[in-house]
Amino acid sequence: MIVLMEVSIVQIGNSKGLRLSKTVLDKYKIRDTVEMILEEEQIVIRASTKPRQGWDKAFKAMNDNGDDKLLMNDVFNDENPEEWK
């Protein structure tokens, strides 16, 4: 569903900005930063994404469970490391 809203541009010091309602901030989980996508005829503002968030804890859990083993050898039998020097 697309909702069209008209919002005012407000003065913020020497700059200008948008004021978003608490309802919009909460609904879209917007906290301190947003991603702004500039397209030809529109600006898209969305909550910042952190695609690798939590990976450190997941990797630690894998290590703790012994699940972080190599799936393949890091050197193949026919590979000659001297060729890479």
Protein backbone atom coordinates (compact mmCIF):
# COMPACT_ATOMS: atom_id res chain seq x y z
CA MET A 1 0.00 0.00 0.00
CA ILE A 2 1.35 3.42 -0.94
CA VAL A 3 0.38 6.40 1.20
CA LEU A 4 0.93 9.93 -0.07
CA MET A 5 1.64 12.45 2.69
CA GLU A 6 2.45 16.11 2.41
CA VAL A 7 5.02 17.28 4.96
CA SER A 8 6.50 20.71 5.54
CA ILE A 9 10.12 21.63 5.02
CA VAL A 10 11.34 23.29 8.24
CA GLN A 11 14.29 25.53 9.01
CA ILE A 12 17.06 23.79 11.01
CA GLY A 13 19.86 26.30 11.59
CA ASN A 14 21.24 27.20 8.15
CA SER A 15 19.71 24.05 6.62
CA LYS A 16 16.23 22.74 6.07
CA GLY A 17 14.75 19.38 6.93
CA LEU A 18 11.65 17.21 7.17
CA ARG A 19 9.75 16.64 10.37
CA LEU A 20 8.45 13.07 10.67
CA SER A 21 5.73 12.14 13.15
CA LYS A 22 6.38 9.72 15.99
CA THR A 23 3.87 7.35 14.38
CA VAL A 24 5.89 7.22 11.14
CA LEU A 25 9.20 6.88 13.02
CA ASP A 26 7.83 4.00 15.09
CA LYS A 27 6.10 2.21 12.21
CA TYR A 28 9.24 2.18 10.05
CA LYS A 29 11.65 1.65 12.96
CA ILE A 30 13.57 4.86 12.21
CA ARG A 31 16.02 5.73 14.98
CA ASP A 32 19.07 7.95 14.52
CA THR A 33 19.89 7.55 10.82
CA VAL A 34 18.10 6.85 7.57
CA GLU A 35 19.17 5.83 4.08
CA MET A 36 18.34 8.41 1.43
CA ILE A 37 18.06 7.19 -2.16
CA LEU A 38 18.14 9.89 -4.83
CA GLU A 39 16.34 8.84 -8.00
CA GLU A 40 15.54 10.84 -11.11
CA GLU A 41 12.26 12.33 -9.91
CA GLN A 42 11.98 11.22 -6.31
CA ILE A 43 13.77 10.88 -3.01
CA VAL A 44 13.27 7.68 -1.03
CA ILE A 45 13.92 7.76 2.70
CA ARG A 46 14.02 4.48 4.60
CA ALA A 47 15.29 3.12 7.88
CA SER A 48 18.99 2.32 7.88
CA THR A 49 19.74 -1.33 7.38
CA LYS A 50 22.65 -3.17 8.89
CA PRO A 51 22.85 -6.41 6.93
CA ARG A 52 25.74 -7.81 8.98
CA GLN A 53 24.32 -6.88 12.35
CA GLY A 54 24.65 -9.77 14.77
CA TRP A 55 27.17 -11.70 12.67
CA ASP A 56 29.82 -11.42 15.39
CA LYS A 57 27.58 -13.21 17.89
CA ALA A 58 26.57 -15.82 15.31
CA PHE A 59 30.20 -16.54 14.42
CA LYS A 60 31.12 -16.84 18.10
CA ALA A 61 28.23 -19.28 18.64
CA MET A 62 29.38 -21.31 15.62
CA ASN A 63 32.89 -21.46 17.07
CA ASP A 64 31.61 -22.40 20.53
CA ASN A 65 29.57 -25.24 18.95
CA GLY A 66 32.42 -26.41 16.73
CA ASP A 67 30.39 -25.54 13.62
CA ASP A 68 33.04 -23.34 12.00
CA LYS A 69 35.01 -26.05 10.22
CA LEU A 70 36.28 -25.52 6.66
CA LEU A 71 34.00 -27.13 4.08
CA MET A 72 36.89 -27.60 1.67
CA ASN A 73 40.64 -27.64 1.96
CA ASP A 74 42.28 -24.22 1.76
CA VAL A 75 45.00 -25.72 -0.49
CA PHE A 76 44.15 -28.20 -3.24
CA ASN A 77 46.35 -31.24 -3.89
CA ASP A 78 47.37 -30.02 -7.35
CA GLU A 79 48.01 -26.45 -6.23
CA ASN A 80 51.56 -25.17 -6.04
CA PRO A 81 51.85 -22.29 -3.54
CA GLU A 82 55.23 -21.35 -5.08
CA GLU A 83 53.42 -20.26 -8.27
CA TRP A 84 51.76 -17.44 -6.33
CA LYS A 85 55.01 -15.74 -5.31
